[in-house]
PDB file of N, CA and C in Angstrom:
ATOM      1  N   CYS A   1      46.708 -48.271 -35.048  1.00  0.00           N
ATOM      2  CA  CYS A   1      47.174 -48.887 -36.255  1.00  0.00           C
ATOM      3  C   CYS A   1      48.482 -49.635 -36.013  1.00  0.00           C
ATOM      4  N   LEU A   2      49.343 -49.025 -35.228  1.00  0.00           N
ATOM      5  CA  LEU A   2      50.647 -49.634 -35.023  1.00  0.00           C
ATOM      6  C   LEU A   2      50.565 -50.900 -34.188  1.00  0.00           C
ATOM      7  N   TYR A   3      49.690 -50.898 -33.200  1.00  0.00           N
ATOM      8  CA  TYR A   3      49.642 -52.024 -32.280  1.00  0.00           C
ATOM      9  C   TYR A   3      48.486 -52.967 -32.554  1.00  0.00           C
ATOM     10  N   ASN A   4      47.433 -52.482 -33.135  1.00  0.00           N
ATOM     11  CA  ASN A   4      46.257 -53.302 -33.374  1.00  0.00           C
ATOM     12  C   ASN A   4      45.740 -53.032 -34.785  1.00  0.00           C
ATOM     13  N   PRO A   5      46.075 -53.868 -35.764  1.00  0.00           N
ATOM     14  CA  PRO A   5      45.645 -53.600 -37.142  1.00  0.00           C
ATOM     15  C   PRO A   5      44.142 -53.707 -37.343  1.00  0.00           C
ATOM     16  N   ASN A   6      43.415 -54.282 -36.383  1.00  0.00           N
ATOM     17  CA  ASN A   6      41.961 -54.397 -36.529  1.00  0.00           C
ATOM     18  C   ASN A   6      41.253 -53.055 -36.402  1.00  0.00           C
ATOM     19  N   THR A   7      41.929 -52.052 -35.867  1.00  0.00           N
ATOM     20  CA  THR A   7      41.294 -50.746 -35.710  1.00  0.00           C
ATOM     21  C   THR A   7      41.486 -49.860 -36.932  1.00  0.00           C
ATOM     22  N   CYS A   8      42.335 -50.242 -37.867  1.00  0.00           N
ATOM     23  CA  CYS A   8      42.560 -49.458 -39.079  1.00  0.00           C
ATOM     24  C   CYS A   8      41.576 -49.914 -40.146  1.00  0.00           C
ATOM     25  N   LEU A   9      40.715 -49.025 -40.588  1.00  0.00           N
ATOM     26  CA  LEU A   9      39.673 -49.404 -41.534  1.00  0.00           C
ATOM     27  C   LEU A   9      39.811 -48.702 -42.873  1.00  0.00           C
ATOM     28  N   GLY A  10      40.994 -48.293 -43.253  1.00  0.00           N
ATOM     29  CA  GLY A  10      41.197 -47.700 -44.567  1.00  0.00           C
ATOM     30  C   GLY A  10      40.866 -46.233 -44.593  1.00  0.00           C
ATOM     31  N   VAL A  11      40.000 -45.820 -45.532  1.00  0.00           N
ATOM     32  CA  VAL A  11      39.744 -44.406 -45.745  1.00  0.00           C
ATOM     33  C   VAL A  11      38.550 -43.876 -44.962  1.00  0.00           C
ATOM     34  N   ALA A  12      37.839 -44.720 -44.256  1.00  0.00           N
ATOM     35  CA  ALA A  12      36.700 -44.237 -43.471  1.00  0.00           C
ATOM     36  C   ALA A  12      37.205 -43.447 -42.274  1.00  0.00           C
ATOM     37  N   ALA A  13      36.546 -42.357 -41.967  1.00  0.00           N
ATOM     38  CA  ALA A  13      36.959 -41.524 -40.835  1.00  0.00           C
ATOM     39  C   ALA A  13      36.341 -42.100 -39.568  1.00  0.00           C
ATOM     40  N   ILE A  14      37.145 -42.737 -38.763  1.00  0.00           N
ATOM     41  CA  ILE A  14      36.649 -43.400 -37.563  1.00  0.00           C
ATOM     42  C   ILE A  14      37.620 -43.150 -36.423  1.00  0.00           C
ATOM     43  N   PHE A  15      37.092 -42.765 -35.263  1.00  0.00           N
ATOM     44  CA  PHE A  15      37.873 -42.696 -34.042  1.00  0.00           C
ATOM     45  C   PHE A  15      37.600 -43.976 -33.268  1.00  0.00           C
ATOM     46  N   LYS A  16      38.659 -44.635 -32.833  1.00  0.00           N
ATOM     47  CA  LYS A  16      38.462 -45.841 -32.048  1.00  0.00           C
ATOM     48  C   LYS A  16      39.507 -45.863 -30.946  1.00  0.00           C
ATOM     49  N   ILE A  17      39.048 -45.997 -29.720  1.00  0.00           N
ATOM     50  CA  ILE A  17      39.956 -46.032 -28.584  1.00  0.00           C
ATOM     51  C   ILE A  17      40.107 -47.484 -28.162  1.00  0.00           C
ATOM     52  N   GLY A  18      41.348 -47.896 -27.971  1.00  0.00           N
ATOM     53  CA  GLY A  18      41.601 -49.275 -27.569  1.00  0.00           C
ATOM     54  C   GLY A  18      42.819 -49.348 -26.682  1.00  0.00           C
ATOM     55  N   GLU A  19      43.170 -50.545 -26.324  1.00  0.00           N
ATOM     56  CA  GLU A  19      44.352 -50.762 -25.517  1.00  0.00           C
ATOM     57  C   GLU A  19      45.343 -51.574 -26.320  1.00  0.00           C
ATOM     58  N   ALA A  20      46.599 -51.200 -26.231  1.00  0.00           N
ATOM     59  CA  ALA A  20      47.658 -51.937 -26.899  1.00  0.00           C
ATOM     60  C   ALA A  20      48.637 -52.428 -25.847  1.00  0.00           C
ATOM     61  N   TYR A  21      49.115 -53.611 -26.030  1.00  0.00           N
ATOM     62  CA  TYR A  21      50.057 -54.194 -25.085  1.00  0.00           C
ATOM     63  C   TYR A  21      51.417 -54.306 -25.760  1.00  0.00           C
ATOM     64  N   LEU A  22      52.439 -53.727 -25.131  1.00  0.00           N
ATOM     65  CA  LEU A  22      53.788 -53.789 -25.673  1.00  0.00           C
ATOM     66  C   LEU A  22      54.510 -55.049 -25.217  1.00  0.00           C
ATOM     67  N   GLY A  23      54.027 -55.686 -24.213  1.00  0.00           N
ATOM     68  CA  GLY A  23      54.647 -56.907 -23.711  1.00  0.00           C
ATOM     69  C   GLY A  23      53.997 -57.283 -22.398  1.00  0.00           C
ATOM     70  N   GLU A  24      54.444 -58.368 -21.833  1.00  0.00           N
ATOM     71  CA  GLU A  24      53.864 -58.836 -20.577  1.00  0.00           C
ATOM     72  C   GLU A  24      54.142 -57.880 -19.429  1.00  0.00           C
ATOM     73  N   SER A  25      55.338 -57.268 -19.410  1.00  0.00           N
ATOM     74  CA  SER A  25      55.706 -56.414 -18.281  1.00  0.00           C
ATOM     75  C   SER A  25      55.251 -54.972 -18.456  1.00  0.00           C
ATOM     76  N   ALA A  26      54.922 -54.572 -19.685  1.00  0.00           N
ATOM     77  CA  ALA A  26      54.545 -53.179 -19.943  1.00  0.00           C
ATOM     78  C   ALA A  26      53.061 -52.978 -19.655  1.00  0.00           C
ATOM     79  N   PRO A  27      52.686 -51.822 -19.099  1.00  0.00           N
ATOM     80  CA  PRO A  27      51.263 -51.540 -18.862  1.00  0.00           C
ATOM     81  C   PRO A  27      50.559 -51.269 -20.191  1.00  0.00           C
ATOM     82  N   PRO A  28      49.247 -51.455 -20.242  1.00  0.00           N
ATOM     83  CA  PRO A  28      48.521 -51.171 -21.490  1.00  0.00           C
ATOM     84  C   PRO A  28      48.554 -49.678 -21.806  1.00  0.00           C
ATOM     85  N   ILE A  29      48.585 -49.359 -23.070  1.00  0.00           N
ATOM     86  CA  ILE A  29      48.642 -47.970 -23.536  1.00  0.00           C
ATOM     87  C   ILE A  29      47.329 -47.662 -24.246  1.00  0.00           C
ATOM     88  N   LYS A  30      46.700 -46.571 -23.848  1.00  0.00           N
ATOM     89  CA  LYS A  30      45.493 -46.110 -24.543  1.00  0.00           C
ATOM     90  C   LYS A  30      45.942 -45.360 -25.797  1.00  0.00           C
ATOM     91  N   HIS A  31      45.310 -45.639 -26.897  1.00  0.00           N
ATOM     92  CA  HIS A  31      45.651 -44.935 -28.128  1.00  0.00           C
ATOM     93  C   HIS A  31      44.376 -44.638 -28.910  1.00  0.00           C
ATOM     94  N   VAL A  32      44.479 -43.632 -29.758  1.00  0.00           N
ATOM     95  CA  VAL A  32      43.369 -43.242 -30.624  1.00  0.00           C
ATOM     96  C   VAL A  32      43.834 -43.434 -32.053  1.00  0.00           C
ATOM     97  N   VAL A  33      43.034 -44.130 -32.830  1.00  0.00           N
ATOM     98  CA  VAL A  33      43.359 -44.359 -34.230  1.00  0.00           C
ATOM     99  C   VAL A  33      42.433 -43.492 -35.063  1.00  0.00           C
ATOM    100  N   LEU A  34      43.001 -42.739 -35.958  1.00  0.00           N
ATOM    101  CA  LEU A  34      42.218 -41.884 -36.846  1.00  0.00           C
ATOM    102  C   LEU A  34      42.567 -42.254 -38.274  1.00  0.00           C
ATOM    103  N   SER A  35      41.601 -42.698 -39.011  1.00  0.00           N
ATOM    104  CA  SER A  35      41.766 -42.932 -40.435  1.00  0.00           C
ATOM    105  C   SER A  35      41.054 -41.791 -41.140  1.00  0.00           C
ATOM    106  N   VAL A  36      41.739 -41.095 -42.018  1.00  0.00           N
ATOM    107  CA  VAL A  36      41.220 -39.879 -42.632  1.00  0.00           C
ATOM    108  C   VAL A  36      40.695 -40.186 -44.027  1.00  0.00           C
ATOM    109  N   LYS A  37      39.580 -39.547 -44.389  1.00  0.00           N
ATOM    110  CA  LYS A  37      39.047 -39.673 -45.737  1.00  0.00           C
ATOM    111  C   LYS A  37      40.011 -39.025 -46.720  1.00  0.00           C
ATOM    112  N   LYS A  38      40.087 -39.597 -47.910  1.00  0.00           N
ATOM    113  CA  LYS A  38      40.897 -38.985 -48.954  1.00  0.00           C
ATOM    114  C   LYS A  38      40.143 -37.791 -49.528  1.00  0.00           C
ATOM    115  N   MET A  39      40.879 -36.756 -49.876  1.00  0.00           N
ATOM    116  CA  MET A  39      40.261 -35.571 -50.463  1.00  0.00           C
ATOM    117  C   MET A  39      40.486 -35.605 -51.973  1.00  0.00           C
ATOM    118  N   TYR A  40      39.436 -35.443 -52.728  1.00  0.00           N
ATOM    119  CA  TYR A  40      39.525 -35.409 -54.171  1.00  0.00           C
ATOM    120  C   TYR A  40      39.137 -34.021 -54.655  1.00  0.00           C
ATOM    121  N   LEU A  41      39.893 -33.521 -55.611  1.00  0.00           N
ATOM    122  CA  LEU A  41      39.597 -32.214 -56.180  1.00  0.00           C
ATOM    123  C   LEU A  41      38.362 -32.338 -57.063  1.00  0.00           C
ATOM    124  N   MET A  42      37.378 -31.524 -56.789  1.00  0.00           N
ATOM    125  CA  MET A  42      36.116 -31.535 -57.518  1.00  0.00           C
ATOM    126  C   MET A  42      35.901 -30.150 -58.134  1.00  0.00           C
ATOM    127  N   TYR A  43      34.939 -30.042 -59.045  1.00  0.00           N
ATOM    128  CA  TYR A  43      34.608 -28.728 -59.605  1.00  0.00           C
ATOM    129  C   TYR A  43      33.126 -28.668 -59.943  1.00  0.00           C
ATOM    130  N   TYR A  44      32.652 -27.432 -60.069  1.00  0.00           N
ATOM    131  CA  TYR A  44      31.310 -27.173 -60.582  1.00  0.00           C
ATOM    132  C   TYR A  44      31.425 -25.994 -61.527  1.00  0.00           C
ATOM    133  N   LEU A  45      30.427 -25.804 -62.355  1.00  0.00           N
ATOM    134  CA  LEU A  45      30.454 -24.721 -63.338  1.00  0.00           C
ATOM    135  C   LEU A  45      29.661 -23.535 -62.816  1.00  0.00           C
ATOM    136  N   ASP A  46      30.234 -22.332 -62.977  1.00  0.00           N
ATOM    137  CA  ASP A  46      29.505 -21.135 -62.561  1.00  0.00           C
ATOM    138  C   ASP A  46      28.582 -20.686 -63.697  1.00  0.00           C
ATOM    139  N   LYS A  47      27.974 -19.521 -63.550  1.00  0.00           N
ATOM    140  CA  LYS A  47      27.002 -19.039 -64.533  1.00  0.00           C
ATOM    141  C   LYS A  47      27.632 -18.774 -65.894  1.00  0.00           C
ATOM    142  N   GLU A  48      28.926 -18.461 -65.904  1.00  0.00           N
ATOM    143  CA  GLU A  48      29.619 -18.179 -67.161  1.00  0.00           C
ATOM    144  C   GLU A  48      30.225 -19.427 -67.784  1.00  0.00           C
ATOM    145  N   GLY A  49      30.073 -20.573 -67.127  1.00  0.00           N
ATOM    146  CA  GLY A  49      30.609 -21.821 -67.658  1.00  0.00           C
ATOM    147  C   GLY A  49      32.043 -22.104 -67.251  1.00  0.00           C
ATOM    148  N   LYS A  50      32.582 -21.300 -66.342  1.00  0.00           N
ATOM    149  CA  LYS A  50      33.958 -21.515 -65.889  1.00  0.00           C
ATOM    150  C   LYS A  50      33.964 -22.512 -64.739  1.00  0.00           C
ATOM    151  N   ARG A  51      35.047 -23.270 -64.657  1.00  0.00           N
ATOM    152  CA  ARG A  51      35.177 -24.253 -63.585  1.00  0.00           C
ATOM    153  C   ARG A  51      35.565 -23.577 -62.275  1.00  0.00           C
ATOM    154  N   ILE A  52      34.875 -23.925 -61.219  1.00  0.00           N
ATOM    155  CA  ILE A  52      35.203 -23.482 -59.870  1.00  0.00           C
ATOM    156  C   ILE A  52      35.611 -24.736 -59.099  1.00  0.00           C
ATOM    157  N   TYR A  53      36.872 -24.783 -58.659  1.00  0.00           N
ATOM    158  CA  TYR A  53      37.398 -25.968 -57.993  1.00  0.00           C
ATOM    159  C   TYR A  53      37.111 -25.926 -56.497  1.00  0.00           C
ATOM    160  N   THR A  54      36.805 -27.095 -55.940  1.00  0.00           N
ATOM    161  CA  THR A  54      36.462 -27.213 -54.533  1.00  0.00           C
ATOM    162  C   THR A  54      36.784 -28.632 -54.068  1.00  0.00           C
ATOM    163  N   LEU A  55      36.694 -28.869 -52.776  1.00  0.00           N
ATOM    164  CA  LEU A  55      36.835 -30.209 -52.222  1.00  0.00           C
ATOM    165  C   LEU A  55      35.484 -30.780 -51.795  1.00  0.00           C
ATOM    166  N   LYS A  56      34.435 -29.985 -51.949  1.00  0.00           N
ATOM    167  CA  LYS A  56      33.100 -30.404 -51.518  1.00  0.00           C
ATOM    168  C   LYS A  56      32.449 -31.308 -52.561  1.00  0.00           C
ATOM    169  N   LYS A  57      31.552 -32.158 -52.109  1.00  0.00           N
ATOM    170  CA  LYS A  57      30.850 -33.092 -52.993  1.00  0.00           C
ATOM    171  C   LYS A  57      29.567 -32.497 -53.563  1.00  0.00           C
ATOM    172  N   ILE A  58      29.076 -31.422 -52.970  1.00  0.00           N
ATOM    173  CA  ILE A  58      27.853 -30.755 -53.425  1.00  0.00           C
ATOM    174  C   ILE A  58      28.175 -29.286 -53.684  1.00  0.00           C
ATOM    175  N   GLY A  59      27.746 -28.770 -54.836  1.00  0.00           N
ATOM    176  CA  GLY A  59      27.975 -27.378 -55.175  1.00  0.00           C
ATOM    177  C   GLY A  59      27.042 -26.459 -54.408  1.00  0.00           C
ATOM    178  N   PRO A  60      27.226 -25.131 -54.508  1.00  0.00           N
ATOM    179  CA  PRO A  60      26.392 -24.193 -53.760  1.00  0.00           C
ATOM    180  C   PRO A  60      24.924 -24.197 -54.196  1.00  0.00           C
ATOM    181  N   ASP A  61      24.664 -24.646 -55.421  1.00  0.00           N
ATOM    182  CA  ASP A  61      23.273 -24.702 -55.881  1.00  0.00           C
ATOM    183  C   ASP A  61      22.619 -26.053 -55.597  1.00  0.00           C
ATOM    184  N   GLY A  62      23.327 -26.951 -54.916  1.00  0.00           N
ATOM    185  CA  GLY A  62      22.761 -28.238 -54.532  1.00  0.00           C
ATOM    186  C   GLY A  62      23.023 -29.372 -55.502  1.00  0.00           C
ATOM    187  N   THR A  63      23.657 -29.084 -56.625  1.00  0.00           N
ATOM    188  CA  THR A  63      23.964 -30.144 -57.587  1.00  0.00           C
ATOM    189  C   THR A  63      25.288 -30.808 -57.218  1.00  0.00           C
ATOM    190  N   PRO A  64      25.447 -32.083 -57.553  1.00  0.00           N
ATOM    191  CA  PRO A  64      26.715 -32.760 -57.250  1.00  0.00           C
ATOM    192  C   PRO A  64      27.858 -32.174 -58.073  1.00  0.00           C
ATOM    193  N   THR A  65      29.030 -32.076 -57.466  1.00  0.00           N
ATOM    194  CA  THR A  65      30.205 -31.591 -58.180  1.00  0.00           C
ATOM    195  C   THR A  65      30.791 -32.719 -59.013  1.00  0.00           C
ATOM    196  N   LEU A  66      31.633 -32.360 -59.961  1.00  0.00           N
ATOM    197  CA  LEU A  66      32.262 -33.322 -60.865  1.00  0.00           C
ATOM    198  C   LEU A  66      33.719 -33.512 -60.476  1.00  0.00           C
ATOM    199  N   SER A  67      34.252 -34.682 -60.759  1.00  0.00           N
ATOM    200  CA  SER A  67      35.644 -34.964 -60.430  1.00  0.00           C
ATOM    201  C   SER A  67      36.563 -34.212 -61.383  1.00  0.00           C
ATOM    202  N   ALA A  68      37.625 -33.626 -60.841  1.00  0.00           N
ATOM    203  CA  ALA A  68      38.591 -32.909 -61.663  1.00  0.00           C
ATOM    204  C   ALA A  68      39.714 -33.827 -62.124  1.00  0.00           C
ATOM    205  N   HIS A  69      39.639 -35.112 -61.791  1.00  0.00           N
ATOM    206  CA  HIS A  69      40.678 -36.071 -62.148  1.00  0.00           C
ATOM    207  C   HIS A  69      40.230 -36.881 -63.358  1.00  0.00           C
ATOM    208  N   PRO A  70      41.152 -37.175 -64.282  1.00  0.00           N
ATOM    209  CA  PRO A  70      40.769 -37.979 -65.442  1.00  0.00           C
ATOM    210  C   PRO A  70      40.499 -39.428 -65.045  1.00  0.00           C
ATOM    211  N   ALA A  71      39.778 -40.132 -65.888  1.00  0.00           N
ATOM    212  CA  ALA A  71      39.507 -41.545 -65.636  1.00  0.00           C
ATOM    213  C   ALA A  71      40.798 -42.348 -65.762  1.00  0.00           C
ATOM    214  N   ARG A  72      40.828 -43.487 -65.122  1.00  0.00           N
ATOM    215  CA  ARG A  72      42.012 -44.346 -65.199  1.00  0.00           C
ATOM    216  C   ARG A  72      42.174 -44.873 -66.617  1.00  0.00           C
ATOM    217  N   PHE A  73      43.425 -45.001 -67.033  1.00  0.00           N
ATOM    218  CA  PHE A  73      43.730 -45.542 -68.345  1.00  0.00           C
ATOM    219  C   PHE A  73      44.152 -46.993 -68.186  1.00  0.00           C
ATOM    220  N   SER A  74      43.639 -47.848 -69.027  1.00  0.00           N
ATOM    221  CA  SER A  74      44.029 -49.251 -69.016  1.00  0.00           C
ATOM    222  C   SER A  74      44.468 -49.640 -70.422  1.00  0.00           C
ATOM    223  N   PRO A  75      45.674 -50.192 -70.572  1.00  0.00           N
ATOM    224  CA  PRO A  75      46.092 -50.631 -71.912  1.00  0.00           C
ATOM    225  C   PRO A  75      45.262 -51.816 -72.408  1.00  0.00           C
ATOM    226  N   ASP A  76      44.637 -52.546 -71.493  1.00  0.00           N
ATOM    227  CA  ASP A  76      43.767 -53.658 -71.855  1.00  0.00           C
ATOM    228  C   ASP A  76      42.343 -53.121 -71.969  1.00  0.00           C
ATOM    229  N   ASP A  77      42.051 -52.468 -73.082  1.00  0.00           N
ATOM    230  CA  ASP A  77      40.746 -51.842 -73.296  1.00  0.00           C
ATOM    231  C   ASP A  77      39.774 -52.884 -73.834  1.00  0.00           C
ATOM    232  N   LYS A  78      38.818 -53.279 -73.005  1.00  0.00           N
ATOM    233  CA  LYS A  78      37.900 -54.355 -73.372  1.00  0.00           C
ATOM    234  C   LYS A  78      36.788 -53.893 -74.311  1.00  0.00           C
ATOM    235  N   PHE A  79      36.510 -52.598 -74.362  1.00  0.00           N
ATOM    236  CA  PHE A  79      35.353 -52.117 -75.112  1.00  0.00           C
ATOM    237  C   PHE A  79      35.739 -51.184 -76.265  1.00  0.00           C
ATOM    238  N   SER A  80      36.975 -51.270 -76.755  1.00  0.00           N
ATOM    239  CA  SER A  80      37.396 -50.372 -77.832  1.00  0.00           C
ATOM    240  C   SER A  80      36.637 -50.670 -79.126  1.00  0.00           C
ATOM    241  N   LYS A  81      36.331 -51.939 -79.382  1.00  0.00           N
ATOM    242  CA  LYS A  81      35.600 -52.294 -80.600  1.00  0.00           C
ATOM    243  C   LYS A  81      34.211 -51.661 -80.599  1.00  0.00           C
ATOM    244  N   GLU A  82      33.522 -51.725 -79.460  1.00  0.00           N
ATOM    245  CA  GLU A  82      32.183 -51.151 -79.370  1.00  0.00           C
ATOM    246  C   GLU A  82      32.214 -49.639 -79.539  1.00  0.00           C
ATOM    247  N   ARG A  83      33.232 -48.975 -78.957  1.00  0.00           N
ATOM    248  CA  ARG A  83      33.357 -47.524 -79.125  1.00  0.00           C
ATOM    249  C   ARG A  83      33.620 -47.167 -80.579  1.00  0.00           C
ATOM    250  N   TRP A  84      34.446 -47.946 -81.242  1.00  0.00           N
ATOM    251  CA  TRP A  84      34.773 -47.701 -82.635  1.00  0.00           C
ATOM    252  C   TRP A  84      33.520 -47.853 -83.502  1.00  0.00           C
ATOM    253  N   ILE A  85      32.716 -48.892 -83.223  1.00  0.00           N
ATOM    254  CA  ILE A  85      31.479 -49.115 -83.989  1.00  0.00           C
ATOM    255  C   ILE A  85      30.510 -47.950 -83.790  1.00  0.00           C
ATOM    256  N   LEU A  86      30.348 -47.475 -82.554  1.00  0.00           N
ATOM    257  CA  LEU A  86      29.440 -46.348 -82.292  1.00  0.00           C
ATOM    258  C   LEU A  86      29.931 -45.066 -82.953  1.00  0.00           C
ATOM    259  N   LYS A  87      31.236 -44.810 -82.895  1.00  0.00           N
ATOM    260  CA  LYS A  87      31.764 -43.603 -83.545  1.00  0.00           C
ATOM    261  C   LYS A  87      31.541 -43.661 -85.050  1.00  0.00           C
ATOM    262  N   ARG A  88      31.720 -44.833 -85.650  1.00  0.00           N
ATOM    263  CA  ARG A  88      31.491 -44.975 -87.086  1.00  0.00           C
ATOM    264  C   ARG A  88      30.011 -44.768 -87.409  1.00  0.00           C
ATOM    265  N   ARG A  89      29.110 -45.310 -86.572  1.00  0.00           N
ATOM    266  CA  ARG A  89      27.667 -45.197 -86.809  1.00  0.00           C
ATOM    267  C   ARG A  89      27.204 -43.743 -86.762  1.00  0.00           C
ATOM    268  N   PHE A  90      27.750 -42.951 -85.834  1.00  0.00           N
ATOM    269  CA  PHE A  90      27.301 -41.567 -85.669  1.00  0.00           C
ATOM    270  C   PHE A  90      28.209 -40.550 -86.353  1.00  0.00           C
ATOM    271  N   GLY A  91      29.157 -41.022 -87.167  1.00  0.00           N
ATOM    272  CA  GLY A  91      29.998 -40.120 -87.948  1.00  0.00           C
ATOM    273  C   GLY A  91      30.997 -39.328 -87.131  1.00  0.00           C
ATOM    274  N   LEU A  92      31.545 -39.924 -86.095  1.00  0.00           N
ATOM    275  CA  LEU A  92      32.472 -39.213 -85.221  1.00  0.00           C
ATOM    276  C   LEU A  92      33.932 -39.617 -85.419  1.00  0.00           C
ATOM    277  N   LEU A  93      34.210 -40.485 -86.385  1.00  0.00           N
ATOM    278  CA  LEU A  93      35.602 -40.866 -86.640  1.00  0.00           C
ATOM    279  C   LEU A  93      36.334 -39.699 -87.300  1.00  0.00           C
ATOM    280  N   PRO A  94      37.636 -39.552 -87.058  1.00  0.00           N
ATOM    281  CA  PRO A  94      38.375 -38.437 -87.665  1.00  0.00           C
ATOM    282  C   PRO A  94      38.297 -38.428 -89.189  1.00  0.00           C
ATOM    283  N   THR A  95      38.202 -39.592 -89.816  1.00  0.00           N
ATOM    284  CA  THR A  95      38.103 -39.638 -91.278  1.00  0.00           C
ATOM    285  C   THR A  95      36.726 -39.217 -91.774  1.00  0.00           C
ATOM    286  N   GLN A  96      35.722 -39.195 -90.916  1.00  0.00           N
ATOM    287  CA  GLN A  96      34.365 -38.810 -91.311  1.00  0.00           C
ATOM    288  C   GLN A  96      34.087 -37.332 -91.073  1.00  0.00           C
ATOM    289  N   LYS A  97      34.978 -36.659 -90.373  1.00  0.00           N
ATOM    290  CA  LYS A  97      34.775 -35.235 -90.087  1.00  0.00           C
ATOM    291  C   LYS A  97      35.299 -34.395 -91.237  1.00  0.00           C
ATOM    292  N   GLU A  98      34.755 -33.190 -91.342  1.00  0.00           N
ATOM    293  CA  GLU A  98      35.230 -32.279 -92.376  1.00  0.00           C
ATOM    294  C   GLU A  98      36.614 -31.773 -92.017  1.00  0.00           C
ATOM    295  N   SER A  99      37.396 -31.491 -93.014  1.00  0.00           N
ATOM    296  CA  SER A  99      38.748 -30.987 -92.804  1.00  0.00           C
ATOM    297  C   SER A  99      38.699 -29.574 -92.236  1.00  0.00           C
ATOM    298  N   LEU A 100      39.632 -29.262 -91.345  1.00  0.00           N
ATOM    299  CA  LEU A 100      39.691 -27.919 -90.764  1.00  0.00           C
ATOM    300  C   LEU A 100      40.181 -26.891 -91.772  1.00  0.00           C
ATOM    301  N   HIS A 101      40.938 -27.336 -92.782  1.00  0.00           N
ATOM    302  CA  HIS A 101      41.534 -26.413 -93.754  1.00  0.00           C
ATOM    303  C   HIS A 101      40.697 -26.288 -95.021  1.00  0.00           C
ATOM    304  N   ALA A 102      39.571 -26.954 -95.097  1.00  0.00           N
ATOM    305  CA  ALA A 102      38.758 -26.917 -96.323  1.00  0.00           C
ATOM    306  C   ALA A 102      37.846 -25.724 -96.346  1.00  0.00           C
TER     307      ALA A 102
END
């Protein structure tokens, strides 16, 4: 990575051996570049419905695990009107719900 940026491929886990030259008088240096995958916290639900956190992408029963990280927030929400229309259609707006104190 330091001597040859073409060997750095981001988050893919790749070993690549190459030669780097520090100058005309310096001998070539063998180096190994390791790009490591990012680890994301995942979870799956056990029999009681509790979250079990893991770094694996597949749970012990073979089902895919779910991300424990929230979705990205964007102040430029392009689909807020459509969400509002759907919530109104299915009675999910806060003004359409019954009061908790009633």
